[in-house]
């Protein structure tokens, strides 16, 4: 996985409140058998409109269809972003589009946790701060870049004003080191082994010998 340390990128302001996961990736965009390729369905009901001939075309009024926001890596969002259903594909769609950071006053809890599993950094700032950053971006016609420094937990607006954010140490470490969930757990491999050995002494009946384990495995249909 790629490490997330510091980025300076285009930020797209989408400050509507209560954008749910069905808006982020509508149900009719979920028919895929892989974990990738969902970027085309991101905000599909907003990004596209149906022409008179029945064909789907980009809606020029939607911000992600406008330059330079088509290249945005940071999304500035309103309160309670990604509420609603728990579909992890909402994060996949944002990631596949190219977003690596979402800045909002609050998030749906499940979405927030899913972000860290999928190399996306969710940052919570006061709504006044998010609006201030978005205002500067809009005033610059999208040319003002936003900097996110995970190492120092700072967001820097285009005019240089800085906003501090807090994040769980474990999640911060996962992104800084570029760890996937399995790699993150394996950091504690020694502690896990020590626990298992101590637990084996306390509860030997939980750990069958090789012969018994083989019999159990063979009995499973």
N, C-alpha and C. Protein backbone atom coordinates (compact mmCIF):
# COMPACT_ATOMS: atom_id res chain seq x y z
N UNK A 1 0.83 -1.20 0.00
CA UNK A 1 0.00 0.00 0.00
C UNK A 1 0.87 1.25 0.00
N UNK A 2 0.38 2.31 -0.65
CA UNK A 2 1.11 3.57 -0.65
C UNK A 2 1.04 4.23 0.71
N UNK A 3 2.16 4.84 1.09
CA UNK A 3 2.19 5.59 2.35
C UNK A 3 1.53 6.95 2.16
N UNK A 4 0.86 7.42 3.20
CA UNK A 4 0.28 8.76 3.20
C UNK A 4 1.04 9.57 4.23
N UNK A 5 1.82 10.55 3.77
CA UNK A 5 2.58 11.40 4.68
C UNK A 5 2.13 12.85 4.52
N UNK A 6 2.28 13.39 3.31
CA UNK A 6 1.92 14.78 3.05
C UNK A 6 1.55 14.94 1.59
N UNK A 7 0.44 15.64 1.33
CA UNK A 7 0.03 15.89 -0.05
C UNK A 7 -0.35 17.37 -0.20
N UNK A 8 -0.23 17.87 -1.40
CA UNK A 8 -0.69 19.23 -1.75
C UNK A 8 -1.41 19.08 -3.07
N UNK A 9 -2.76 19.16 -3.03
CA UNK A 9 -3.55 18.76 -4.19
C UNK A 9 -4.76 19.66 -4.41
N UNK A 10 -5.39 19.47 -5.55
CA UNK A 10 -6.67 20.11 -5.84
C UNK A 10 -7.72 19.57 -4.88
N UNK A 11 -8.55 20.47 -4.33
CA UNK A 11 -9.64 20.07 -3.43
C UNK A 11 -10.97 20.47 -4.05
N UNK A 12 -11.92 19.54 -4.04
CA UNK A 12 -13.24 19.81 -4.61
C UNK A 12 -14.25 20.05 -3.49
N UNK A 13 -14.88 21.24 -3.45
CA UNK A 13 -15.87 21.51 -2.40
C UNK A 13 -17.25 20.96 -2.75
N UNK A 14 -17.79 20.16 -1.86
CA UNK A 14 -19.13 19.58 -2.01
C UNK A 14 -19.75 19.59 -0.61
N UNK A 15 -20.20 20.76 -0.18
CA UNK A 15 -20.53 20.98 1.23
C UNK A 15 -21.97 20.64 1.61
N UNK A 16 -22.67 19.93 0.78
CA UNK A 16 -24.03 19.51 1.12
C UNK A 16 -24.00 18.61 2.36
N UNK A 17 -24.96 18.78 3.25
CA UNK A 17 -25.04 17.96 4.46
C UNK A 17 -25.70 16.61 4.16
N UNK A 18 -25.35 15.62 4.98
CA UNK A 18 -26.02 14.30 4.96
C UNK A 18 -25.96 13.61 3.60
N UNK A 19 -24.84 13.72 2.91
CA UNK A 19 -24.65 12.95 1.68
C UNK A 19 -24.47 11.49 2.08
N UNK A 20 -25.41 10.64 1.69
CA UNK A 20 -25.35 9.25 2.14
C UNK A 20 -24.60 8.36 1.15
N UNK A 21 -24.38 7.13 1.57
CA UNK A 21 -23.57 6.22 0.74
C UNK A 21 -24.28 5.85 -0.56
N UNK A 22 -25.61 5.95 -0.58
CA UNK A 22 -26.33 5.66 -1.82
C UNK A 22 -26.12 6.77 -2.84
N UNK A 23 -25.91 7.99 -2.37
CA UNK A 23 -25.58 9.10 -3.27
C UNK A 23 -24.14 8.96 -3.77
N UNK A 24 -23.26 8.50 -2.89
CA UNK A 24 -21.86 8.33 -3.27
C UNK A 24 -21.70 7.25 -4.33
N UNK A 25 -22.36 6.12 -4.12
CA UNK A 25 -22.32 5.04 -5.12
C UNK A 25 -23.71 4.39 -5.15
N UNK A 26 -24.56 4.80 -6.09
CA UNK A 26 -25.93 4.27 -6.15
C UNK A 26 -25.96 2.75 -6.33
N UNK A 27 -27.04 2.17 -5.87
CA UNK A 27 -27.16 0.71 -5.91
C UNK A 27 -27.00 0.12 -7.29
N UNK A 28 -27.47 0.83 -8.33
CA UNK A 28 -27.36 0.28 -9.68
C UNK A 28 -25.95 0.33 -10.23
N UNK A 29 -25.00 0.86 -9.44
CA UNK A 29 -23.59 0.92 -9.86
C UNK A 29 -22.74 -0.14 -9.14
N UNK A 30 -23.39 -1.04 -8.41
CA UNK A 30 -22.65 -1.98 -7.57
C UNK A 30 -22.41 -3.34 -8.21
N UNK A 31 -22.90 -3.55 -9.42
CA UNK A 31 -22.84 -4.88 -10.01
C UNK A 31 -21.45 -5.15 -10.61
N UNK A 32 -20.49 -5.40 -9.71
CA UNK A 32 -19.14 -5.74 -10.12
C UNK A 32 -18.66 -6.90 -9.26
N UNK A 33 -17.68 -7.65 -9.75
CA UNK A 33 -17.19 -8.81 -9.01
C UNK A 33 -15.80 -8.56 -8.44
N UNK A 34 -15.27 -7.36 -8.60
CA UNK A 34 -13.95 -7.03 -8.07
C UNK A 34 -14.05 -5.88 -7.08
N UNK A 35 -12.92 -5.54 -6.45
CA UNK A 35 -12.88 -4.43 -5.51
C UNK A 35 -12.48 -3.12 -6.18
N UNK A 36 -12.36 -3.13 -7.47
CA UNK A 36 -11.92 -1.93 -8.18
C UNK A 36 -12.88 -1.63 -9.33
N UNK A 37 -12.71 -0.45 -9.92
CA UNK A 37 -13.54 -0.08 -11.06
C UNK A 37 -14.82 0.64 -10.70
N UNK A 38 -14.97 1.05 -9.44
CA UNK A 38 -16.20 1.71 -9.01
C UNK A 38 -16.17 3.22 -9.21
N UNK A 39 -15.02 3.76 -9.63
CA UNK A 39 -14.91 5.20 -9.80
C UNK A 39 -15.89 5.76 -10.82
N UNK A 40 -16.21 4.97 -11.84
CA UNK A 40 -17.15 5.43 -12.85
C UNK A 40 -18.55 5.64 -12.30
N UNK A 41 -18.87 4.97 -11.19
CA UNK A 41 -20.21 5.11 -10.60
C UNK A 41 -20.28 6.13 -9.48
N UNK A 42 -19.15 6.77 -9.16
CA UNK A 42 -19.12 7.75 -8.07
C UNK A 42 -20.09 8.89 -8.35
N UNK A 43 -20.99 9.15 -7.41
CA UNK A 43 -21.99 10.22 -7.54
C UNK A 43 -22.71 10.13 -8.88
N UNK A 44 -22.98 8.92 -9.34
CA UNK A 44 -23.51 8.71 -10.70
C UNK A 44 -24.79 9.49 -10.96
N UNK A 45 -25.68 9.56 -9.98
CA UNK A 45 -26.96 10.25 -10.20
C UNK A 45 -26.78 11.77 -10.28
N UNK A 46 -25.65 12.27 -9.85
CA UNK A 46 -25.35 13.70 -9.91
C UNK A 46 -24.39 14.02 -11.06
N UNK A 47 -23.48 13.10 -11.34
CA UNK A 47 -22.47 13.35 -12.37
C UNK A 47 -23.03 13.23 -13.77
N UNK A 48 -24.11 12.47 -13.92
CA UNK A 48 -24.64 12.20 -15.25
C UNK A 48 -26.11 12.61 -15.35
N UNK A 49 -26.53 12.86 -16.57
CA UNK A 49 -27.93 13.09 -16.86
C UNK A 49 -28.29 12.29 -18.12
N UNK A 50 -29.56 12.00 -18.29
CA UNK A 50 -30.00 11.22 -19.43
C UNK A 50 -30.47 12.15 -20.53
N UNK A 51 -29.88 12.00 -21.70
CA UNK A 51 -30.23 12.82 -22.85
C UNK A 51 -31.56 12.34 -23.44
N UNK A 52 -32.11 13.12 -24.36
CA UNK A 52 -33.39 12.77 -24.98
C UNK A 52 -33.31 11.47 -25.77
N UNK A 53 -32.12 11.13 -26.24
CA UNK A 53 -31.96 9.87 -26.97
C UNK A 53 -31.73 8.68 -26.05
N UNK A 54 -31.79 8.92 -24.73
CA UNK A 54 -31.63 7.85 -23.75
C UNK A 54 -30.19 7.60 -23.33
N UNK A 55 -29.25 8.28 -23.99
CA UNK A 55 -27.84 8.09 -23.65
C UNK A 55 -27.48 8.88 -22.38
N UNK A 56 -26.47 8.37 -21.66
CA UNK A 56 -26.00 9.05 -20.46
C UNK A 56 -24.88 10.02 -20.82
N UNK A 57 -24.96 11.25 -20.30
CA UNK A 57 -23.93 12.26 -20.58
C UNK A 57 -23.56 12.96 -19.28
N UNK A 58 -22.35 13.50 -19.24
CA UNK A 58 -21.91 14.22 -18.05
C UNK A 58 -22.76 15.46 -17.82
N UNK A 59 -23.07 15.71 -16.56
CA UNK A 59 -23.78 16.92 -16.18
C UNK A 59 -22.74 18.02 -15.95
N UNK A 60 -22.67 19.03 -16.81
CA UNK A 60 -21.62 20.04 -16.68
C UNK A 60 -21.74 20.89 -15.42
N UNK A 61 -22.90 20.85 -14.77
CA UNK A 61 -23.09 21.65 -13.56
C UNK A 61 -22.51 20.98 -12.32
N UNK A 62 -22.21 19.67 -12.42
CA UNK A 62 -21.69 18.98 -11.24
C UNK A 62 -20.20 19.23 -11.12
N UNK A 63 -19.76 19.51 -9.92
CA UNK A 63 -18.40 20.02 -9.71
C UNK A 63 -17.31 19.08 -10.20
N UNK A 64 -17.50 17.78 -10.05
CA UNK A 64 -16.44 16.85 -10.46
C UNK A 64 -16.34 16.70 -11.98
N UNK A 65 -17.27 17.31 -12.71
CA UNK A 65 -17.18 17.34 -14.16
C UNK A 65 -16.54 18.63 -14.67
N UNK A 66 -16.07 19.46 -13.74
CA UNK A 66 -15.49 20.74 -14.11
C UNK A 66 -13.99 20.74 -13.83
N UNK A 67 -13.25 21.44 -14.67
CA UNK A 67 -11.82 21.61 -14.42
C UNK A 67 -11.62 22.74 -13.40
N UNK A 68 -10.63 22.62 -12.50
CA UNK A 68 -9.66 21.53 -12.37
C UNK A 68 -10.12 20.43 -11.42
N UNK A 69 -11.41 20.47 -11.00
CA UNK A 69 -11.88 19.54 -9.98
C UNK A 69 -11.91 18.10 -10.45
N UNK A 70 -11.85 17.89 -11.77
CA UNK A 70 -11.78 16.52 -12.28
C UNK A 70 -10.53 15.80 -11.77
N UNK A 71 -9.51 16.58 -11.41
CA UNK A 71 -8.26 16.00 -10.92
C UNK A 71 -8.14 16.06 -9.40
N UNK A 72 -9.24 16.36 -8.70
CA UNK A 72 -9.18 16.53 -7.25
C UNK A 72 -8.79 15.24 -6.54
N UNK A 73 -7.92 15.39 -5.55
CA UNK A 73 -7.53 14.28 -4.69
C UNK A 73 -8.09 14.45 -3.28
N UNK A 74 -8.59 15.66 -2.99
CA UNK A 74 -9.16 15.97 -1.68
C UNK A 74 -10.60 16.40 -1.89
N UNK A 75 -11.50 15.86 -1.08
CA UNK A 75 -12.91 16.24 -1.13
C UNK A 75 -13.26 16.99 0.14
N UNK A 76 -13.82 18.20 -0.01
CA UNK A 76 -14.31 18.99 1.12
C UNK A 76 -15.81 18.77 1.20
N UNK A 77 -16.28 18.18 2.29
CA UNK A 77 -17.67 17.75 2.38
C UNK A 77 -18.37 18.37 3.58
N UNK A 78 -19.71 18.26 3.58
CA UNK A 78 -20.53 18.79 4.65
C UNK A 78 -20.69 17.82 5.79
N UNK A 79 -21.47 18.22 6.81
CA UNK A 79 -21.66 17.37 7.99
C UNK A 79 -22.30 16.03 7.66
N UNK A 80 -21.94 15.02 8.45
CA UNK A 80 -22.53 13.67 8.36
C UNK A 80 -22.31 13.05 6.99
N UNK A 81 -21.12 13.23 6.47
CA UNK A 81 -20.81 12.67 5.16
C UNK A 81 -20.77 11.15 5.22
N UNK A 82 -21.35 10.52 4.20
CA UNK A 82 -21.37 9.06 4.08
C UNK A 82 -22.16 8.39 5.19
N UNK A 83 -23.29 8.99 5.54
CA UNK A 83 -24.22 8.33 6.45
C UNK A 83 -25.00 7.28 5.66
N UNK A 84 -25.95 6.64 6.30
CA UNK A 84 -26.77 5.66 5.58
C UNK A 84 -26.21 4.26 5.66
N UNK A 85 -26.35 3.49 4.59
CA UNK A 85 -25.97 2.08 4.60
C UNK A 85 -24.47 1.93 4.76
N UNK A 86 -24.06 0.73 5.12
CA UNK A 86 -22.66 0.47 5.47
C UNK A 86 -21.80 0.05 4.29
N UNK A 87 -22.28 0.19 3.07
CA UNK A 87 -21.56 -0.33 1.90
C UNK A 87 -20.13 0.22 1.81
N UNK A 88 -19.17 -0.70 1.83
CA UNK A 88 -17.76 -0.31 1.73
C UNK A 88 -17.42 0.20 0.33
N UNK A 89 -18.28 -0.11 -0.62
CA UNK A 89 -18.06 0.35 -1.99
C UNK A 89 -18.08 1.87 -2.09
N UNK A 90 -18.66 2.55 -1.10
CA UNK A 90 -18.62 4.02 -1.10
C UNK A 90 -17.17 4.51 -1.02
N UNK A 91 -16.38 3.85 -0.19
CA UNK A 91 -14.96 4.21 -0.09
C UNK A 91 -14.23 3.77 -1.35
N UNK A 92 -14.55 2.58 -1.85
CA UNK A 92 -13.88 2.10 -3.07
C UNK A 92 -14.09 3.07 -4.23
N UNK A 93 -15.33 3.60 -4.36
CA UNK A 93 -15.63 4.51 -5.46
C UNK A 93 -14.83 5.80 -5.34
N UNK A 94 -14.75 6.34 -4.14
CA UNK A 94 -13.97 7.57 -3.92
C UNK A 94 -12.49 7.33 -4.20
N UNK A 95 -11.99 6.19 -3.72
CA UNK A 95 -10.58 5.84 -3.93
C UNK A 95 -10.29 5.63 -5.40
N UNK A 96 -11.18 4.91 -6.10
CA UNK A 96 -10.95 4.62 -7.51
C UNK A 96 -11.02 5.89 -8.36
N UNK A 97 -11.82 6.84 -7.94
CA UNK A 97 -11.85 8.13 -8.64
C UNK A 97 -10.50 8.83 -8.51
N UNK A 98 -9.88 8.68 -7.34
CA UNK A 98 -8.60 9.33 -7.09
C UNK A 98 -8.51 10.07 -5.78
N UNK A 99 -9.62 10.12 -5.03
CA UNK A 99 -9.59 10.81 -3.75
C UNK A 99 -8.76 10.02 -2.74
N UNK A 100 -7.90 10.71 -2.03
CA UNK A 100 -7.10 10.09 -0.98
C UNK A 100 -7.39 10.72 0.38
N UNK A 101 -8.19 11.78 0.40
CA UNK A 101 -8.50 12.46 1.65
C UNK A 101 -9.87 13.09 1.56
N UNK A 102 -10.69 12.92 2.62
CA UNK A 102 -12.00 13.55 2.73
C UNK A 102 -11.98 14.42 3.98
N UNK A 103 -12.32 15.69 3.85
CA UNK A 103 -12.35 16.60 4.99
C UNK A 103 -13.79 17.02 5.23
N UNK A 104 -14.33 16.74 6.41
CA UNK A 104 -15.72 17.04 6.72
C UNK A 104 -15.87 17.25 8.23
N UNK A 105 -16.96 17.89 8.66
CA UNK A 105 -17.18 18.05 10.10
C UNK A 105 -17.47 16.73 10.81
N UNK A 106 -18.10 15.79 10.10
CA UNK A 106 -18.42 14.49 10.71
C UNK A 106 -18.69 13.48 9.61
N UNK A 107 -18.60 12.20 9.99
CA UNK A 107 -18.77 11.10 9.03
C UNK A 107 -19.70 10.03 9.61
N UNK A 108 -20.26 9.24 8.71
CA UNK A 108 -20.89 8.01 9.16
C UNK A 108 -19.84 7.11 9.78
N UNK A 109 -20.15 6.50 10.92
CA UNK A 109 -19.13 5.75 11.68
C UNK A 109 -18.51 4.62 10.89
N UNK A 110 -19.32 3.83 10.20
CA UNK A 110 -18.80 2.68 9.47
C UNK A 110 -17.94 3.15 8.30
N UNK A 111 -18.40 4.17 7.60
CA UNK A 111 -17.61 4.71 6.50
C UNK A 111 -16.26 5.21 7.00
N UNK A 112 -16.26 5.89 8.13
CA UNK A 112 -15.02 6.43 8.70
C UNK A 112 -14.00 5.31 8.92
N UNK A 113 -14.44 4.21 9.52
CA UNK A 113 -13.54 3.09 9.77
C UNK A 113 -13.09 2.43 8.47
N UNK A 114 -14.00 2.34 7.49
CA UNK A 114 -13.66 1.71 6.22
C UNK A 114 -12.60 2.51 5.45
N UNK A 115 -12.57 3.82 5.66
CA UNK A 115 -11.59 4.65 4.96
C UNK A 115 -10.17 4.16 5.23
N UNK A 116 -9.86 3.90 6.49
CA UNK A 116 -8.50 3.53 6.86
C UNK A 116 -8.09 2.18 6.28
N UNK A 117 -9.07 1.33 6.03
CA UNK A 117 -8.79 0.02 5.43
C UNK A 117 -8.49 0.14 3.94
N UNK A 118 -8.80 1.30 3.36
CA UNK A 118 -8.74 1.45 1.91
C UNK A 118 -7.89 2.65 1.47
N UNK A 119 -6.93 3.03 2.31
CA UNK A 119 -5.94 4.05 1.94
C UNK A 119 -6.55 5.44 1.72
N UNK A 120 -7.63 5.74 2.42
CA UNK A 120 -8.26 7.06 2.34
C UNK A 120 -8.24 7.68 3.74
N UNK A 121 -7.80 8.94 3.83
CA UNK A 121 -7.71 9.62 5.13
C UNK A 121 -8.94 10.49 5.35
N UNK A 122 -9.78 10.17 6.36
CA UNK A 122 -10.91 11.03 6.71
C UNK A 122 -10.50 11.99 7.82
N UNK A 123 -10.68 13.27 7.61
CA UNK A 123 -10.29 14.29 8.59
C UNK A 123 -11.53 15.04 9.04
N UNK A 124 -11.69 15.21 10.34
CA UNK A 124 -12.80 15.98 10.88
C UNK A 124 -12.31 17.36 11.33
N UNK A 125 -12.91 18.40 10.74
CA UNK A 125 -12.67 19.78 11.12
C UNK A 125 -14.02 20.46 11.36
N UNK A 126 -14.02 21.52 12.16
CA UNK A 126 -15.25 22.29 12.35
C UNK A 126 -15.79 22.74 11.00
N UNK A 127 -17.12 22.81 10.90
CA UNK A 127 -17.73 23.19 9.63
C UNK A 127 -17.25 24.58 9.19
N UNK A 128 -17.04 25.48 10.16
CA UNK A 128 -16.56 26.81 9.82
C UNK A 128 -15.20 26.74 9.13
N UNK A 129 -14.35 25.81 9.58
CA UNK A 129 -13.03 25.65 8.97
C UNK A 129 -13.15 25.07 7.57
N UNK A 130 -14.02 24.06 7.41
CA UNK A 130 -14.21 23.46 6.09
C UNK A 130 -14.74 24.50 5.11
N UNK A 131 -15.70 25.31 5.57
CA UNK A 131 -16.26 26.34 4.69
C UNK A 131 -15.22 27.40 4.34
N UNK A 132 -14.36 27.73 5.29
CA UNK A 132 -13.31 28.71 5.02
C UNK A 132 -12.34 28.20 3.95
N UNK A 133 -11.95 26.95 4.07
CA UNK A 133 -11.05 26.36 3.08
C UNK A 133 -11.75 26.29 1.72
N UNK A 134 -13.01 25.84 1.72
CA UNK A 134 -13.76 25.72 0.47
C UNK A 134 -13.93 27.08 -0.20
N UNK A 135 -14.16 28.12 0.62
CA UNK A 135 -14.31 29.46 0.07
C UNK A 135 -13.05 29.93 -0.65
N UNK A 136 -11.90 29.64 -0.06
CA UNK A 136 -10.65 30.02 -0.70
C UNK A 136 -10.42 29.25 -2.00
N UNK A 137 -10.79 27.98 -1.98
CA UNK A 137 -10.65 27.17 -3.19
C UNK A 137 -11.54 27.73 -4.30
N UNK A 138 -12.78 28.05 -3.96
CA UNK A 138 -13.72 28.56 -4.96
C UNK A 138 -13.27 29.93 -5.48
N UNK A 139 -12.78 30.77 -4.59
CA UNK A 139 -12.32 32.10 -5.00
C UNK A 139 -11.15 32.02 -5.98
N UNK A 140 -10.39 30.94 -5.89
CA UNK A 140 -9.24 30.77 -6.79
C UNK A 140 -9.62 29.95 -8.02
N UNK A 141 -10.94 29.68 -8.20
CA UNK A 141 -11.42 28.84 -9.30
C UNK A 141 -10.76 27.46 -9.29
N UNK A 142 -10.51 26.98 -8.10
CA UNK A 142 -9.97 25.63 -7.94
C UNK A 142 -8.47 25.55 -8.03
N UNK A 143 -7.82 26.67 -8.31
CA UNK A 143 -6.37 26.63 -8.48
C UNK A 143 -5.62 26.63 -7.15
N UNK A 144 -6.26 27.12 -6.08
CA UNK A 144 -5.61 27.13 -4.77
C UNK A 144 -5.50 25.73 -4.21
N UNK A 145 -4.31 25.29 -3.93
CA UNK A 145 -4.10 23.92 -3.46
C UNK A 145 -4.25 23.84 -1.94
N UNK A 146 -4.72 22.68 -1.49
CA UNK A 146 -4.86 22.39 -0.06
C UNK A 146 -3.79 21.35 0.30
N UNK A 147 -3.13 21.60 1.42
CA UNK A 147 -2.07 20.70 1.88
C UNK A 147 -2.55 19.92 3.10
N UNK A 148 -2.34 18.62 3.09
CA UNK A 148 -2.66 17.77 4.22
C UNK A 148 -1.38 17.09 4.68
N UNK A 149 -1.01 17.35 5.92
CA UNK A 149 0.21 16.81 6.51
C UNK A 149 -0.19 15.86 7.63
N UNK A 150 -0.16 14.56 7.35
CA UNK A 150 -0.58 13.58 8.35
C UNK A 150 0.46 13.45 9.46
N UNK A 151 1.73 13.64 9.12
CA UNK A 151 2.78 13.50 10.13
C UNK A 151 2.59 14.51 11.25
N UNK A 152 2.19 15.74 10.91
CA UNK A 152 2.00 16.80 11.91
C UNK A 152 0.53 17.10 12.17
N UNK A 153 -0.38 16.35 11.52
CA UNK A 153 -1.83 16.50 11.71
C UNK A 153 -2.28 17.94 11.46
N UNK A 154 -1.95 18.44 10.28
CA UNK A 154 -2.30 19.82 9.91
C UNK A 154 -2.89 19.85 8.50
N UNK A 155 -3.93 20.67 8.33
CA UNK A 155 -4.46 21.00 7.01
C UNK A 155 -4.12 22.47 6.76
N UNK A 156 -3.53 22.74 5.62
CA UNK A 156 -3.16 24.12 5.27
C UNK A 156 -4.00 24.59 4.10
N UNK A 157 -4.73 25.70 4.32
CA UNK A 157 -5.58 26.28 3.28
C UNK A 157 -4.71 26.97 2.22
N UNK A 158 -5.28 27.30 1.07
CA UNK A 158 -4.50 27.96 0.02
C UNK A 158 -3.79 29.23 0.48
N UNK A 159 -4.37 29.98 1.44
CA UNK A 159 -3.74 31.22 1.89
C UNK A 159 -2.70 31.00 2.99
N UNK A 160 -2.45 29.74 3.34
CA UNK A 160 -1.44 29.42 4.34
C UNK A 160 -1.97 29.23 5.75
N UNK A 161 -3.25 29.51 5.97
CA UNK A 161 -3.83 29.30 7.31
C UNK A 161 -3.87 27.81 7.61
N UNK A 162 -3.52 27.45 8.84
CA UNK A 162 -3.44 26.04 9.20
C UNK A 162 -4.52 25.64 10.21
N UNK A 163 -4.99 24.42 10.05
CA UNK A 163 -6.02 23.86 10.92
C UNK A 163 -5.52 22.50 11.43
N UNK A 164 -5.46 22.36 12.74
CA UNK A 164 -5.00 21.10 13.33
C UNK A 164 -6.16 20.12 13.42
N UNK A 165 -5.86 18.85 13.25
CA UNK A 165 -6.87 17.80 13.41
C UNK A 165 -6.30 16.68 14.27
N UNK A 166 -7.17 15.89 14.83
CA UNK A 166 -6.74 14.76 15.65
C UNK A 166 -7.17 13.47 14.97
N UNK A 167 -6.41 12.42 15.26
CA UNK A 167 -6.69 11.13 14.65
C UNK A 167 -6.14 10.04 15.57
N UNK A 168 -6.81 8.94 15.62
CA UNK A 168 -6.37 7.80 16.41
C UNK A 168 -4.95 7.40 16.01
N UNK A 169 -4.09 7.17 17.01
CA UNK A 169 -2.68 6.85 16.74
C UNK A 169 -2.53 5.60 15.88
N UNK A 170 -3.35 4.60 16.13
CA UNK A 170 -3.25 3.36 15.36
C UNK A 170 -3.55 3.63 13.88
N UNK A 171 -4.66 4.32 13.60
CA UNK A 171 -5.03 4.61 12.22
C UNK A 171 -3.98 5.50 11.55
N UNK A 172 -3.47 6.45 12.29
CA UNK A 172 -2.44 7.34 11.73
C UNK A 172 -1.21 6.54 11.33
N UNK A 173 -0.81 5.61 12.19
CA UNK A 173 0.36 4.79 11.91
C UNK A 173 0.14 3.89 10.70
N UNK A 174 -1.07 3.36 10.56
CA UNK A 174 -1.40 2.49 9.43
C UNK A 174 -1.18 3.23 8.11
N UNK A 175 -1.65 4.49 8.04
CA UNK A 175 -1.52 5.25 6.80
C UNK A 175 -0.09 5.74 6.59
N UNK A 176 0.56 6.18 7.66
CA UNK A 176 1.93 6.67 7.52
C UNK A 176 2.87 5.58 7.02
N UNK A 177 2.62 4.34 7.46
CA UNK A 177 3.49 3.24 7.07
C UNK A 177 2.98 2.48 5.84
N UNK A 178 1.79 2.84 5.37
CA UNK A 178 1.25 2.15 4.20
C UNK A 178 0.90 0.71 4.47
N UNK A 179 0.27 0.44 5.62
CA UNK A 179 -0.03 -0.93 6.00
C UNK A 179 -1.47 -1.30 5.64
N UNK A 180 -1.65 -2.51 5.12
CA UNK A 180 -3.00 -3.02 4.95
C UNK A 180 -3.42 -3.66 6.28
N UNK A 181 -4.70 -4.04 6.45
CA UNK A 181 -5.15 -4.57 7.75
C UNK A 181 -4.34 -5.77 8.24
N UNK A 182 -3.95 -6.66 7.33
CA UNK A 182 -3.18 -7.84 7.75
C UNK A 182 -1.79 -7.42 8.22
N UNK A 183 -1.13 -6.56 7.46
CA UNK A 183 0.21 -6.10 7.84
C UNK A 183 0.18 -5.36 9.16
N UNK A 184 -0.90 -4.62 9.39
CA UNK A 184 -1.03 -3.87 10.65
C UNK A 184 -1.08 -4.83 11.84
N UNK A 185 -1.82 -5.92 11.68
CA UNK A 185 -1.93 -6.91 12.76
C UNK A 185 -0.58 -7.61 12.98
N UNK A 186 0.11 -7.90 11.88
CA UNK A 186 1.38 -8.64 11.99
C UNK A 186 2.48 -7.83 12.68
N UNK A 187 2.26 -6.55 12.88
CA UNK A 187 3.20 -5.77 13.68
C UNK A 187 3.28 -6.31 15.11
N UNK A 188 2.19 -6.95 15.52
CA UNK A 188 2.08 -7.45 16.89
C UNK A 188 2.26 -8.96 16.94
N UNK A 189 2.95 -9.51 15.95
CA UNK A 189 3.09 -10.97 15.85
C UNK A 189 3.74 -11.56 17.08
N UNK A 190 4.77 -10.92 17.62
CA UNK A 190 5.44 -11.43 18.82
C UNK A 190 4.49 -11.45 20.00
N UNK A 191 3.76 -10.35 20.19
CA UNK A 191 2.81 -10.27 21.31
C UNK A 191 1.71 -11.32 21.16
N UNK A 192 1.25 -11.53 19.92
CA UNK A 192 0.22 -12.52 19.67
C UNK A 192 0.73 -13.93 20.02
N UNK A 193 1.96 -14.23 19.62
CA UNK A 193 2.55 -15.55 19.91
C UNK A 193 2.71 -15.75 21.42
N UNK A 194 3.15 -14.70 22.11
CA UNK A 194 3.32 -14.79 23.56
C UNK A 194 1.99 -15.03 24.25
N UNK A 195 0.96 -14.34 23.78
CA UNK A 195 -0.37 -14.55 24.35
C UNK A 195 -0.84 -15.98 24.13
N UNK A 196 -0.64 -16.49 22.90
CA UNK A 196 -1.09 -17.84 22.59
C UNK A 196 -0.38 -18.88 23.45
N UNK A 197 0.92 -18.70 23.67
CA UNK A 197 1.66 -19.65 24.50
C UNK A 197 1.17 -19.62 25.94
N UNK A 198 0.93 -18.43 26.47
CA UNK A 198 0.42 -18.31 27.84
C UNK A 198 -0.98 -18.89 27.94
N UNK A 199 -1.79 -18.63 26.91
CA UNK A 199 -3.16 -19.13 26.91
C UNK A 199 -3.18 -20.65 26.78
N UNK A 200 -2.22 -21.20 26.05
CA UNK A 200 -2.12 -22.65 25.91
C UNK A 200 -1.88 -23.31 27.27
N UNK A 201 -1.10 -22.64 28.10
CA UNK A 201 -0.82 -23.16 29.45
C UNK A 201 -2.07 -23.07 30.32
N UNK A 202 -2.83 -21.99 30.16
CA UNK A 202 -4.03 -21.80 30.99
C UNK A 202 -5.17 -22.71 30.54
N UNK A 203 -5.32 -22.89 29.22
CA UNK A 203 -6.47 -23.61 28.68
C UNK A 203 -6.00 -24.60 27.61
N UNK A 204 -5.31 -25.64 28.01
CA UNK A 204 -4.75 -26.58 27.02
C UNK A 204 -5.82 -27.27 26.19
N UNK A 205 -7.03 -27.40 26.73
CA UNK A 205 -8.09 -28.10 26.00
C UNK A 205 -8.55 -27.32 24.75
N UNK A 206 -8.23 -26.04 24.69
CA UNK A 206 -8.62 -25.23 23.53
C UNK A 206 -7.72 -25.51 22.33
N UNK A 207 -6.51 -26.05 22.60
CA UNK A 207 -5.51 -26.25 21.56
C UNK A 207 -5.30 -27.75 21.33
N UNK A 208 -6.03 -28.34 20.38
CA UNK A 208 -5.91 -29.79 20.15
C UNK A 208 -4.54 -30.14 19.57
N UNK A 209 -4.10 -31.39 19.85
CA UNK A 209 -2.84 -31.83 19.25
C UNK A 209 -3.05 -32.05 17.75
N UNK A 210 -1.97 -32.34 17.05
CA UNK A 210 -2.02 -32.44 15.59
C UNK A 210 -2.99 -33.51 15.12
N UNK A 211 -3.01 -34.67 15.83
CA UNK A 211 -3.89 -35.77 15.42
C UNK A 211 -5.35 -35.38 15.56
N UNK A 212 -5.67 -34.75 16.69
CA UNK A 212 -7.06 -34.32 16.91
C UNK A 212 -7.47 -33.25 15.92
N UNK A 213 -6.57 -32.30 15.66
CA UNK A 213 -6.85 -31.23 14.71
C UNK A 213 -7.13 -31.80 13.31
N UNK A 214 -6.38 -32.85 12.94
CA UNK A 214 -6.57 -33.48 11.64
C UNK A 214 -7.95 -34.15 11.57
N UNK A 215 -8.34 -34.80 12.66
CA UNK A 215 -9.65 -35.45 12.69
C UNK A 215 -10.78 -34.42 12.58
N UNK A 216 -10.60 -33.29 13.26
CA UNK A 216 -11.62 -32.23 13.20
C UNK A 216 -11.73 -31.70 11.78
N UNK A 217 -10.59 -31.49 11.14
CA UNK A 217 -10.58 -30.97 9.77
C UNK A 217 -11.25 -31.95 8.82
N UNK A 218 -11.00 -33.24 9.00
CA UNK A 218 -11.57 -34.26 8.11
C UNK A 218 -13.07 -34.40 8.32
N UNK A 219 -13.54 -34.04 9.51
CA UNK A 219 -14.98 -34.18 9.80
C UNK A 219 -15.81 -33.02 9.25
N UNK A 220 -15.14 -31.97 8.85
CA UNK A 220 -15.87 -30.80 8.33
C UNK A 220 -16.26 -31.09 6.89
N UNK A 221 -17.56 -31.00 6.56
CA UNK A 221 -18.01 -31.32 5.19
C UNK A 221 -17.50 -30.28 4.19
